[in-house]
Structure formats: structure tokens, C-alpha cells
C-alpha atoms as a PDB file:
ATOM      1  CA  MET A   1      31.416 -16.237 -32.257  1.00  0.00           C
ATOM      2  CA  GLU A   2      28.437 -14.055 -33.225  1.00  0.00           C
ATOM      3  CA  LEU A   3      25.432 -12.272 -31.162  1.00  0.00           C
ATOM      4  CA  LEU A   4      22.890 -14.432 -32.961  1.00  0.00           C
ATOM      5  CA  GLN A   5      24.718 -17.473 -32.319  1.00  0.00           C
ATOM      6  CA  LEU A   6      24.805 -16.437 -28.062  1.00  0.00           C
ATOM      7  CA  LYS A   7      21.141 -15.686 -28.434  1.00  0.00           C
ATOM      8  CA  TYR A   8      20.470 -18.679 -30.175  1.00  0.00           C
ATOM      9  CA  PHE A   9      22.293 -20.655 -27.611  1.00  0.00           C
ATOM     10  CA  GLN A  10      20.489 -19.029 -24.883  1.00  0.00           C
ATOM     11  CA  LYS A  11      17.088 -20.040 -25.680  1.00  0.00           C
ATOM     12  CA  VAL A  12      18.059 -24.047 -26.657  1.00  0.00           C
ATOM     13  CA  ALA A  13      19.917 -24.125 -22.845  1.00  0.00           C
ATOM     14  CA  ARG A  14      16.645 -22.389 -21.342  1.00  0.00           C
ATOM     15  CA  MET A  15      14.325 -25.041 -22.846  1.00  0.00           C
ATOM     16  CA  GLU A  16      16.397 -27.788 -23.783  1.00  0.00           C
ATOM     17  CA  HIS A  17      14.294 -28.463 -26.652  1.00  0.00           C
ATOM     18  CA  LEU A  18      15.650 -28.149 -30.284  1.00  0.00           C
ATOM     19  CA  SER A  19      12.205 -27.937 -32.134  1.00  0.00           C
ATOM     20  CA  LYS A  20      10.432 -26.024 -29.049  1.00  0.00           C
ATOM     21  CA  ALA A  21      13.192 -23.765 -29.102  1.00  0.00           C
ATOM     22  CA  ALA A  22      13.135 -23.294 -33.145  1.00  0.00           C
ATOM     23  CA  GLU A  23       9.680 -22.715 -32.886  1.00  0.00           C
ATOM     24  CA  GLU A  24       9.770 -19.846 -30.414  1.00  0.00           C
ATOM     25  CA  LEU A  25      12.901 -18.436 -32.778  1.00  0.00           C
ATOM     26  CA  HIS A  26      10.837 -18.713 -36.217  1.00  0.00           C
ATOM     27  CA  ILE A  27      13.952 -20.624 -37.578  1.00  0.00           C
ATOM     28  CA  ALA A  28      13.781 -24.187 -38.896  1.00  0.00           C
ATOM     29  CA  GLN A  29      15.212 -26.794 -36.870  1.00  0.00           C
ATOM     30  CA  PRO A  30      17.903 -27.742 -39.135  1.00  0.00           C
ATOM     31  CA  ALA A  31      19.204 -24.342 -39.257  1.00  0.00           C
ATOM     32  CA  LEU A  32      19.621 -23.854 -35.302  1.00  0.00           C
ATOM     33  CA  SER A  33      21.316 -27.173 -34.948  1.00  0.00           C
ATOM     34  CA  LYS A  34      24.064 -26.046 -37.217  1.00  0.00           C
ATOM     35  CA  THR A  35      24.352 -23.000 -35.325  1.00  0.00           C
ATOM     36  CA  ILE A  36      24.772 -24.549 -32.122  1.00  0.00           C
ATOM     37  CA  ALA A  37      27.180 -27.014 -33.671  1.00  0.00           C
ATOM     38  CA  ARG A  38      29.093 -23.864 -35.254  1.00  0.00           C
ATOM     39  CA  LEU A  39      29.518 -22.254 -31.672  1.00  0.00           C
ATOM     40  CA  GLU A  40      30.420 -25.292 -29.796  1.00  0.00           C
ATOM     41  CA  LYS A  41      33.184 -26.094 -32.895  1.00  0.00           C
ATOM     42  CA  ASP A  42      34.155 -22.527 -32.280  1.00  0.00           C
ATOM     43  CA  LEU A  43      34.448 -23.230 -28.261  1.00  0.00           C
ATOM     44  CA  GLY A  44      36.403 -26.710 -29.080  1.00  0.00           C
ATOM     45  CA  VAL A  45      33.783 -28.172 -26.401  1.00  0.00           C
ATOM     46  CA  PRO A  46      30.323 -29.485 -26.843  1.00  0.00           C
ATOM     47  CA  LEU A  47      27.637 -27.322 -24.816  1.00  0.00           C
ATOM     48  CA  PHE A  48      25.229 -29.666 -24.539  1.00  0.00           C
ATOM     49  CA  ASP A  49      24.770 -34.124 -23.894  1.00  0.00           C
ATOM     50  CA  ARG A  50      22.679 -35.693 -26.930  1.00  0.00           C
ATOM     51  CA  LYS A  51      20.823 -38.848 -26.416  1.00  0.00           C
ATOM     52  CA  LYS A  52      18.588 -39.685 -29.828  1.00  0.00           C
ATOM     53  CA  ARG A  53      16.228 -36.711 -29.910  1.00  0.00           C
ATOM     54  CA  GLN A  54      17.021 -35.257 -26.517  1.00  0.00           C
ATOM     55  CA  ILE A  55      19.267 -32.207 -25.505  1.00  0.00           C
ATOM     56  CA  LYS A  56      20.266 -31.562 -22.404  1.00  0.00           C
ATOM     57  CA  LEU A  57      22.630 -28.673 -20.919  1.00  0.00           C
ATOM     58  CA  ASN A  58      26.241 -30.167 -19.736  1.00  0.00           C
ATOM     59  CA  SER A  59      28.676 -28.425 -17.497  1.00  0.00           C
ATOM     60  CA  PHE A  60      30.311 -26.794 -20.311  1.00  0.00           C
ATOM     61  CA  GLY A  61      27.153 -25.615 -21.055  1.00  0.00           C
ATOM     62  CA  TYR A  62      25.935 -24.279 -17.807  1.00  0.00           C
ATOM     63  CA  THR A  63      29.336 -22.176 -17.054  1.00  0.00           C
ATOM     64  CA  PHE A  64      28.627 -20.763 -20.668  1.00  0.00           C
ATOM     65  CA  LEU A  65      25.024 -20.066 -20.053  1.00  0.00           C
ATOM     66  CA  LYS A  66      25.889 -18.099 -17.354  1.00  0.00           C
ATOM     67  CA  GLN A  67      28.659 -15.732 -18.845  1.00  0.00           C
ATOM     68  CA  VAL A  68      25.798 -15.685 -21.935  1.00  0.00           C
ATOM     69  CA  ASP A  69      23.088 -14.322 -20.039  1.00  0.00           C
ATOM     70  CA  ILE A  70      25.441 -11.683 -17.993  1.00  0.00           C
ATOM     71  CA  ALA A  71      26.831 -10.248 -21.360  1.00  0.00           C
ATOM     72  CA  LEU A  72      22.945 -10.452 -23.378  1.00  0.00           C
ATOM     73  CA  SER A  73      21.561  -8.988 -20.375  1.00  0.00           C
ATOM     74  CA  ALA A  74      24.404  -5.970 -20.347  1.00  0.00           C
ATOM     75  CA  LEU A  75      23.658  -5.280 -23.940  1.00  0.00           C
ATOM     76  CA  GLU A  76      19.999  -5.398 -23.567  1.00  0.00           C
ATOM     77  CA  GLU A  77      20.097  -2.792 -20.602  1.00  0.00           C
ATOM     78  CA  GLY A  78      22.490  -0.843 -23.032  1.00  0.00           C
ATOM     79  CA  LYS A  79      19.962  -0.961 -25.997  1.00  0.00           C
ATOM     80  CA  ARG A  80      17.030   0.318 -23.206  1.00  0.00           C
ATOM     81  CA  GLN A  81      19.621   3.056 -21.767  1.00  0.00           C
ATOM     82  CA  ILE A  82      19.909   4.450 -25.413  1.00  0.00           C
ATOM     83  CA  GLU A  83      16.391   3.973 -26.291  1.00  0.00           C
ATOM     84  CA  ASP A  84      15.115   5.660 -23.206  1.00  0.00           C
ATOM     85  CA  GLN A  85      17.784   8.772 -23.958  1.00  0.00           C
ATOM     86  CA  ALA A  86      16.476   9.127 -27.558  1.00  0.00           C
ATOM     87  CA  GLY A  87      12.505   8.983 -26.049  1.00  0.00           C
ATOM     88  CA  LEU A  88      11.819   5.901 -28.127  1.00  0.00           C
ATOM     89  CA  GLU A  89      10.542   4.081 -24.937  1.00  0.00           C
ATOM     90  CA  SER A  90      10.563   6.798 -22.314  1.00  0.00           C
ATOM     91  CA  ARG A  91       6.826   6.825 -22.798  1.00  0.00           C
ATOM     92  CA  ARG A  92       6.218   2.946 -22.376  1.00  0.00           C
ATOM     93  CA  ALA A  93       5.645   1.122 -19.280  1.00  0.00           C
ATOM     94  CA  VAL A  94       4.538  -2.722 -19.504  1.00  0.00           C
ATOM     95  CA  LEU A  95       2.706  -4.366 -15.933  1.00  0.00           C
ATOM     96  CA  SER A  96       1.967  -7.990 -15.919  1.00  0.00           C
ATOM     97  CA  SER A  97      -0.057 -10.153 -13.488  1.00  0.00           C
ATOM     98  CA  THR A  98      -1.631 -13.452 -12.495  1.00  0.00           C
ATOM     99  CA  ASP A  99      -4.011 -12.466  -9.152  1.00  0.00           C
ATOM    100  CA  HIS A 100      -4.554  -9.205  -9.233  1.00  0.00           C
ATOM    101  CA  LYS A 101      -6.739  -7.095 -11.260  1.00  0.00           C
ATOM    102  CA  CYS A 102      -5.384  -3.703 -11.750  1.00  0.00           C
ATOM    103  CA  ASP A 103      -7.711  -0.743 -10.310  1.00  0.00           C
ATOM    104  CA  ALA A 104      -9.650   0.973 -13.244  1.00  0.00           C
ATOM    105  CA  ILE A 105      -9.448   4.092 -11.297  1.00  0.00           C
ATOM    106  CA  LEU A 106      -5.741   4.004 -10.387  1.00  0.00           C
ATOM    107  CA  VAL A 107      -4.958   3.396 -14.291  1.00  0.00           C
ATOM    108  CA  SER A 108      -7.047   6.230 -15.013  1.00  0.00           C
ATOM    109  CA  SER A 109      -5.440   8.509 -12.609  1.00  0.00           C
ATOM    110  CA  PHE A 110      -2.444   7.860 -13.933  1.00  0.00           C
ATOM    111  CA  LEU A 111      -3.257   8.456 -17.379  1.00  0.00           C
ATOM    112  CA  SER A 112      -4.695  11.292 -16.344  1.00  0.00           C
ATOM    113  CA  ILE A 113      -1.603  12.813 -14.940  1.00  0.00           C
ATOM    114  CA  TYR A 114       1.106  11.336 -17.766  1.00  0.00           C
ATOM    115  CA  PRO A 115      -1.307  11.199 -20.868  1.00  0.00           C
ATOM    116  CA  GLU A 116       1.727  10.454 -23.424  1.00  0.00           C
ATOM    117  CA  THR A 117       2.250   7.084 -21.460  1.00  0.00           C
ATOM    118  CA  ASN A 118       1.673   3.669 -23.119  1.00  0.00           C
ATOM    119  CA  LEU A 119       0.651   1.712 -20.288  1.00  0.00           C
ATOM    120  CA  ARG A 120       0.351  -2.206 -21.445  1.00  0.00           C
ATOM    121  CA  ILE A 121      -0.997  -4.604 -18.937  1.00  0.00           C
ATOM    122  CA  LYS A 122      -1.143  -8.023 -19.163  1.00  0.00           C
ATOM    123  CA  GLN A 123      -2.496 -11.153 -17.697  1.00  0.00           C
ATOM    124  CA  SER A 124      -0.365 -14.051 -17.065  1.00  0.00           C
ATOM    125  CA  PRO A 125      -0.920 -17.552 -15.980  1.00  0.00           C
ATOM    126  CA  SER A 126       2.034 -18.020 -13.447  1.00  0.00           C
ATOM    127  CA  ASP A 127       4.724 -16.260 -11.696  1.00  0.00           C
ATOM    128  CA  GLU A 128       7.045 -18.477 -13.570  1.00  0.00           C
ATOM    129  CA  GLU A 129       5.816 -16.894 -16.942  1.00  0.00           C
ATOM    130  CA  ASN A 130       6.154 -14.045 -15.625  1.00  0.00           C
ATOM    131  CA  LEU A 131       9.224 -14.095 -14.521  1.00  0.00           C
ATOM    132  CA  LYS A 132      10.693 -15.244 -17.897  1.00  0.00           C
ATOM    133  CA  LEU A 133       8.836 -12.136 -19.482  1.00  0.00           C
ATOM    134  CA  LEU A 134      10.328  -9.790 -16.727  1.00  0.00           C
ATOM    135  CA  GLN A 135      13.999 -11.416 -17.692  1.00  0.00           C
ATOM    136  CA  ASP A 136      13.433 -11.177 -21.598  1.00  0.00           C
ATOM    137  CA  GLY A 137      12.685  -7.415 -20.886  1.00  0.00           C
ATOM    138  CA  GLU A 138       9.265  -7.682 -22.504  1.00  0.00           C
ATOM    139  CA  ILE A 139       7.835  -6.443 -19.071  1.00  0.00           C
ATOM    140  CA  ASP A 140       8.944  -3.939 -16.712  1.00  0.00           C
ATOM    141  CA  PHE A 141       6.770  -5.260 -13.838  1.00  0.00           C
ATOM    142  CA  PHE A 142       4.680  -7.791 -12.641  1.00  0.00           C
ATOM    143  CA  ILE A 143       2.007  -8.149  -9.470  1.00  0.00           C
ATOM    144  CA  THR A 144       2.071 -11.189  -7.405  1.00  0.00           C
ATOM    145  CA  SER A 145       0.873 -12.373  -4.176  1.00  0.00           C
ATOM    146  CA  GLY A 146       3.264 -15.147  -4.467  1.00  0.00           C
ATOM    147  CA  PRO A 147       6.318 -15.669  -2.588  1.00  0.00           C
ATOM    148  CA  ILE A 148       9.014 -14.455  -5.185  1.00  0.00           C
ATOM    149  CA  LYS A 149      12.651 -15.723  -4.392  1.00  0.00           C
ATOM    150  CA  GLN A 150      14.687 -14.645  -7.487  1.00  0.00           C
ATOM    151  CA  LYS A 151      17.807 -13.561  -6.885  1.00  0.00           C
ATOM    152  CA  GLY A 152      18.232 -10.289  -8.864  1.00  0.00           C
ATOM    153  CA  THR A 153      14.807  -8.939  -8.171  1.00  0.00           C
ATOM    154  CA  LYS A 154      13.550  -6.469  -5.959  1.00  0.00           C
ATOM    155  CA  LYS A 155      10.078  -6.317  -4.685  1.00  0.00           C
ATOM    156  CA  ILE A 156       7.816  -3.964  -2.666  1.00  0.00           C
ATOM    157  CA  PRO A 157       4.318  -4.647  -1.095  1.00  0.00           C
ATOM    158  CA  PHE A 158       1.576  -2.024  -2.050  1.00  0.00           C
ATOM    159  CA  LEU A 159      -1.668  -3.587  -0.623  1.00  0.00           C
ATOM    160  CA  THR A 160      -2.871  -6.000   1.736  1.00  0.00           C
ATOM    161  CA  GLU A 161      -6.547  -7.409   2.156  1.00  0.00           C
ATOM    162  CA  GLU A 162      -8.369  -9.343   4.691  1.00  0.00           C
ATOM    163  CA  ILE A 163      -9.692 -12.725   3.711  1.00  0.00           C
ATOM    164  CA  PHE A 164     -13.013 -13.854   5.323  1.00  0.00           C
ATOM    165  CA  LEU A 165     -14.656 -17.006   5.669  1.00  0.00           C
ATOM    166  CA  ALA A 166     -17.909 -17.039   2.851  1.00  0.00           C
ATOM    167  CA  VAL A 167     -20.946 -18.905   3.985  1.00  0.00           C
ATOM    168  CA  PRO A 168     -24.435 -18.976   2.501  1.00  0.00           C
ATOM    169  CA  PRO A 169     -27.222 -16.640   4.748  1.00  0.00           C
ATOM    170  CA  ASN A 170     -28.669 -20.055   5.873  1.00  0.00           C
ATOM    171  CA  HIS A 171     -25.279 -21.719   7.043  1.00  0.00           C
ATOM    172  CA  GLN A 172     -25.357 -21.968  10.978  1.00  0.00           C
ATOM    173  CA  LEU A 173     -22.389 -19.523  11.094  1.00  0.00           C
ATOM    174  CA  ALA A 174     -23.952 -17.117   9.299  1.00  0.00           C
ATOM    175  CA  LYS A 175     -24.914 -14.849  12.429  1.00  0.00           C
ATOM    176  CA  ARG A 176     -21.814 -15.012  14.077  1.00  0.00           C
ATOM    177  CA  SER A 177     -19.565 -11.695  13.998  1.00  0.00           C
ATOM    178  CA  GLY A 178     -16.133 -13.576  13.468  1.00  0.00           C
ATOM    179  CA  ILE A 179     -14.753 -17.572  13.983  1.00  0.00           C
ATOM    180  CA  HIS A 180     -11.978 -19.123  14.632  1.00  0.00           C
ATOM    181  CA  LEU A 181     -10.997 -21.810  11.512  1.00  0.00           C
ATOM    182  CA  SER A 182     -10.996 -23.999  14.255  1.00  0.00           C
ATOM    183  CA  GLU A 183     -14.777 -24.489  14.168  1.00  0.00           C
ATOM    184  CA  VAL A 184     -15.143 -25.605  10.113  1.00  0.00           C
ATOM    185  CA  VAL A 185     -13.097 -28.464  10.400  1.00  0.00           C
ATOM    186  CA  ASP A 186     -16.034 -30.663   9.196  1.00  0.00           C
ATOM    187  CA  GLU A 187     -16.893 -28.331   6.620  1.00  0.00           C
ATOM    188  CA  SER A 188     -16.647 -28.788   2.411  1.00  0.00           C
ATOM    189  CA  PHE A 189     -14.898 -26.353   0.939  1.00  0.00           C
ATOM    190  CA  ILE A 190     -15.189 -24.370  -2.434  1.00  0.00           C
ATOM    191  CA  GLY A 191     -11.572 -23.577  -3.559  1.00  0.00           C
ATOM    192  CA  LEU A 192      -9.530 -22.667  -6.414  1.00  0.00           C
ATOM    193  CA  LYS A 193      -6.992 -24.944  -8.642  1.00  0.00           C
ATOM    194  CA  ALA A 194      -4.496 -26.429  -6.277  1.00  0.00           C
ATOM    195  CA  THR A 195      -1.601 -24.425  -7.856  1.00  0.00           C
ATOM    196  CA  ASP A 196      -3.475 -21.032  -7.421  1.00  0.00           C
ATOM    197  CA  HIS A 197      -1.431 -18.825  -4.916  1.00  0.00           C
ATOM    198  CA  PHE A 198      -4.939 -18.302  -3.231  1.00  0.00           C
ATOM    199  CA  ARG A 199      -5.384 -21.452  -2.781  1.00  0.00           C
ATOM    200  CA  GLU A 200      -1.746 -21.939  -1.455  1.00  0.00           C
ATOM    201  CA  LEU A 201      -2.219 -19.542   1.096  1.00  0.00           C
ATOM    202  CA  THR A 202      -5.496 -20.598   2.453  1.00  0.00           C
ATOM    203  CA  ASN A 203      -4.480 -24.240   2.453  1.00  0.00           C
ATOM    204  CA  GLN A 204      -1.520 -22.747   4.781  1.00  0.00           C
ATOM    205  CA  PHE A 205      -4.372 -20.806   6.668  1.00  0.00           C
ATOM    206  CA  CYS A 206      -6.286 -24.283   7.441  1.00  0.00           C
ATOM    207  CA  MET A 207      -2.916 -25.982   8.406  1.00  0.00           C
ATOM    208  CA  ASP A 208      -2.105 -23.268  11.163  1.00  0.00           C
ATOM    209  CA  ALA A 209      -5.525 -24.318  12.635  1.00  0.00           C
ATOM    210  CA  GLY A 210      -4.797 -27.833  12.581  1.00  0.00           C
ATOM    211  CA  PHE A 211      -6.497 -29.328   9.816  1.00  0.00           C
ATOM    212  CA  GLU A 212      -6.438 -30.260   5.635  1.00  0.00           C
ATOM    213  CA  PRO A 213      -9.638 -28.618   4.140  1.00  0.00           C
ATOM    214  CA  ASN A 214     -12.040 -30.942   2.646  1.00  0.00           C
ATOM    215  CA  ILE A 215     -11.867 -29.339  -0.778  1.00  0.00           C
ATOM    216  CA  THR A 216     -15.105 -30.789  -2.810  1.00  0.00           C
ATOM    217  CA  CYS A 217     -15.704 -28.376  -5.576  1.00  0.00           C
ATOM    218  CA  GLU A 218     -12.810 -26.241  -7.661  1.00  0.00           C
ATOM    219  CA  VAL A 219     -13.369 -23.212  -9.412  1.00  0.00           C
ATOM    220  CA  ASP A 220     -11.090 -21.183 -12.110  1.00  0.00           C
ATOM    221  CA  GLU A 221     -11.476 -18.037 -10.746  1.00  0.00           C
ATOM    222  CA  LEU A 222     -11.996 -16.427  -7.476  1.00  0.00           C
ATOM    223  CA  ARG A 223     -15.430 -14.228  -8.068  1.00  0.00           C
ATOM    224  CA  ALA A 224     -16.831 -17.461  -9.431  1.00  0.00           C
ATOM    225  CA  ILE A 225     -16.770 -18.863  -5.585  1.00  0.00           C
ATOM    226  CA  ASP A 226     -19.727 -16.662  -4.624  1.00  0.00           C
ATOM    227  CA  SER A 227     -22.498 -17.935  -6.739  1.00  0.00           C
ATOM    228  CA  PHE A 228     -21.766 -21.442  -5.487  1.00  0.00           C
ATOM    229  CA  VAL A 229     -21.432 -20.410  -2.120  1.00  0.00           C
ATOM    230  CA  GLN A 230     -24.718 -18.869  -2.299  1.00  0.00           C
ATOM    231  CA  ALA A 231     -26.080 -21.599  -3.852  1.00  0.00           C
ATOM    232  CA  GLY A 232     -24.974 -23.774  -0.666  1.00  0.00           C
ATOM    233  CA  ILE A 233     -22.451 -26.239  -2.427  1.00  0.00           C
ATOM    234  CA  GLY A 234     -19.835 -25.179   0.107  1.00  0.00           C
ATOM    235  CA  ILE A 235     -18.223 -22.434   2.369  1.00  0.00           C
ATOM    236  CA  ALA A 236     -15.275 -20.756   1.046  1.00  0.00           C
ATOM    237  CA  PHE A 237     -12.118 -18.139   1.629  1.00  0.00           C
ATOM    238  CA  MET A 238     -13.425 -15.089  -0.341  1.00  0.00           C
ATOM    239  CA  THR A 239     -12.194 -11.369  -0.513  1.00  0.00           C
ATOM    240  CA  LYS A 240     -14.552  -8.709  -0.539  1.00  0.00           C
ATOM    241  CA  ASP A 241     -13.574  -7.514  -3.954  1.00  0.00           C
ATOM    242  CA  ALA A 242     -14.519 -11.048  -5.018  1.00  0.00           C
ATOM    243  CA  MET A 243     -18.205 -10.620  -4.051  1.00  0.00           C
ATOM    244  CA  GLU A 244     -21.260 -10.330  -6.756  1.00  0.00           C
ATOM    245  CA  LYS A 245     -23.163  -7.360  -6.549  1.00  0.00           C
ATOM    246  CA  ASP A 246     -26.341  -7.599  -4.400  1.00  0.00           C
ATOM    247  CA  SER A 247     -24.820 -10.702  -3.077  1.00  0.00           C
ATOM    248  CA  SER A 248     -26.520 -12.914  -0.538  1.00  0.00           C
ATOM    249  CA  THR A 249     -23.447 -14.492   0.690  1.00  0.00           C
ATOM    250  CA  ILE A 250     -21.868 -13.527   4.376  1.00  0.00           C
ATOM    251  CA  LEU A 251     -18.824 -12.950   4.900  1.00  0.00           C
ATOM    252  CA  LEU A 252     -17.242 -13.450   8.519  1.00  0.00           C
ATOM    253  CA  PRO A 253     -14.224 -12.449   9.748  1.00  0.00           C
ATOM    254  CA  ILE A 254     -11.502 -14.487  11.064  1.00  0.00           C
ATOM    255  CA  GLU A 255     -10.211 -14.146  13.993  1.00  0.00           C
ATOM    256  CA  GLN A 256      -7.693 -17.075  14.236  1.00  0.00           C
ATOM    257  CA  PRO A 257      -5.063 -17.562  12.758  1.00  0.00           C
ATOM    258  CA  ILE A 258      -4.941 -14.029  10.537  1.00  0.00           C
ATOM    259  CA  CYS A 259      -5.977 -14.464   7.419  1.00  0.00           C
ATOM    260  CA  GLN A 260      -4.421 -11.917   4.828  1.00  0.00           C
ATOM    261  CA  ARG A 261      -2.835 -11.525   1.370  1.00  0.00           C
ATOM    262  CA  THR A 262      -0.199  -8.964   0.487  1.00  0.00           C
ATOM    263  CA  PHE A 263       0.209  -7.869  -3.097  1.00  0.00           C
ATOM    264  CA  HIS A 264       3.874  -7.171  -4.535  1.00  0.00           C
ATOM    265  CA  LEU A 265       5.446  -5.176  -7.447  1.00  0.00           C
ATOM    266  CA  VAL A 266       8.138  -7.112  -8.651  1.00  0.00           C
ATOM    267  CA  TRP A 267      11.209  -5.663 -10.785  1.00  0.00           C
ATOM    268  CA  ILE A 268      15.009  -6.529 -11.964  1.00  0.00           C
ATOM    269  CA  GLU A 269      16.806  -4.638  -9.481  1.00  0.00           C
ATOM    270  CA  ASN A 270      19.588  -3.489 -11.211  1.00  0.00           C
ATOM    271  CA  ARG A 271      17.928  -3.069 -15.093  1.00  0.00           C
ATOM    272  CA  HIS A 272      17.233   0.522 -16.188  1.00  0.00           C
ATOM    273  CA  LEU A 273      13.775   1.086 -16.078  1.00  0.00           C
ATOM    274  CA  SER A 274      12.325   3.897 -18.673  1.00  0.00           C
ATOM    275  CA  GLU A 275      10.893   7.250 -17.319  1.00  0.00           C
ATOM    276  CA  ALA A 276       6.987   6.347 -17.319  1.00  0.00           C
ATOM    277  CA  ALA A 277       8.117   2.946 -15.901  1.00  0.00           C
ATOM    278  CA  ARG A 278       9.337   4.621 -13.017  1.00  0.00           C
ATOM    279  CA  SER A 279       6.488   6.899 -12.921  1.00  0.00           C
ATOM    280  CA  PHE A 280       3.810   4.187 -12.943  1.00  0.00           C
ATOM    281  CA  ARG A 281       6.202   2.761 -10.174  1.00  0.00           C
ATOM    282  CA  ASP A 282       6.226   5.123  -7.791  1.00  0.00           C
ATOM    283  CA  PHE A 283       2.409   6.244  -8.498  1.00  0.00           C
ATOM    284  CA  LEU A 284       1.001   2.809  -7.866  1.00  0.00           C
ATOM    285  CA  ILE A 285       2.759   3.060  -4.220  1.00  0.00           C
ATOM    286  CA  ALA A 286       1.282   6.417  -3.751  1.00  0.00           C
ATOM    287  CA  TYR A 287      -2.033   5.367  -4.639  1.00  0.00           C
ATOM    288  CA  TYR A 288      -2.207   2.295  -2.521  1.00  0.00           C
ATOM    289  CA  SER A 289      -0.328   3.925   0.698  1.00  0.00           C
ATOM    290  CA  GLU A 290      -3.193   6.862   0.746  1.00  0.00           C
END
């Protein structure tokens, strides 16, 4: 049994698709199939159920995958510790996010204190992708405002921001000092796509107020909402940071229910973090606690 066989098996087991796994591994599909077949021969049992061109992990495969994940994770952890001791990775930290733009002042301040650090910041389309990157060791942390219940991860809150109701300046509610969400049950809303954390969160706020929002227009980014509100297309949930410069949009505090979102920093609980990664985590938490 070879290490390469285990890595190939892990990839195929996670994807349950030979051609896609081969593409990600940058090898030919026949070569990947032969590698999996040799592994099954060594073990004496099939690890996948095959039907025509489909491949699906069977009960033997699930049992073996659990142990392979443990073994490869332990090897990767050992590699990380050795690299850190040797100074090869000690100055690198990699962060990913889906719905939080890393504060430029935070980054600038961190790098001024730790000028030798190589800080990489990535944008990812989903928390599922971030979890995969985290588990594969491609990132040290990711930031999210969504729920994370993945076993083996640890998270810490670092920023909570208020969510307002954005209305155009000529709206009937524009001069109010605050509102209850139940007052806008009949309004047309501008929202983000249905799978976005912010949309899911604000939909829940409306449900808590006793109604389902009438989303008549969807946009890709929170910052794009402001111009649509100013144009009178509808009202929307928004944060102060999402407002355009010199915007005429009115942000109304929501008195009921309480509307906030909290960002968390997420990492693998028992994985070794480089010195730079630990320094960045501690700096970020201290920065937002001030």
C-alpha cells in the first residue's frame, strides 16, 4: 500500500467521480482507475460500487476513508510542524472569506508590525469551498457570518455589525427614527441571491416578524443594493459599510426584531498553525476588540 494510492483514493472517495478526480489530480483517468484497482486488490475488498460510468463509495470504502483521512491528516500535521521548525512556513498565513472584506487598515497595521509575514487573502464562493480548502491545508483560516458545525473546527467571533432597513429618501418611512419589521410586510424588497448568508439571515429576520419578504429584485453583491434603493426599485437590508459614497439612501434602525450579523474566524482545532498564522489570529481578535 502506497501513500500515493491513499491520496488518490481519498480524492475519488470525496468526489465519487473518476474523471473529475483525475482532472483535479492532473493524471489520466485510466491510470487513476488502475491505482484504485490495485489498492482494492491489496485490501481484498471493493471500496466502490460501480454501475456503468457511475462510482459510489460502499460500506468498506466509508470505513477505509475514515482511517485514510486520519492517516493523511497526521502526516500533513507532521510535515507542517517540521516546516515551521525549519522556518519554511513560519512566515506565511493564508485567509479566505466569502462575505467579509478584510479591513485594509487591519492588514496594513498587521504587516507594519510583522513585515516579514507573507499574508495571502483569498475570496471563495461558499463556506463549503472554504471548509474543503481548510481540510486540505490550503488555508489556515476563513471568515464567515454563516453557521459552521463541522466537527474538528474551532471558531471565534470578532465582529458584530448592525443591519438596517434601507429606504429611498422619498419613502414614506424615510423620516422615522426607527421601525419594526412588521411595518414593511407589504413592501417590495431588493435582496442578494437566495443562497447568500446575508439573504438567509435577513429572510429569517422577516420570518421572526411574521412575514416572508417579497423579493422583486436580486443582485450579486451587498454594495450593489444601494444604487437600486436610491432608484426607488424597492427597500432592502443593508449595513453601513455597504453604502455608496455620498449616497442619499436612508438607513433606518430596526427596533424589532434585533437585526445583526456576527463574523467568525474558523480554523482546524487540532492542526498546527504557523507562527505567522497564530500572530494574525491574535492580532485580528485584538484589533476588533478595541
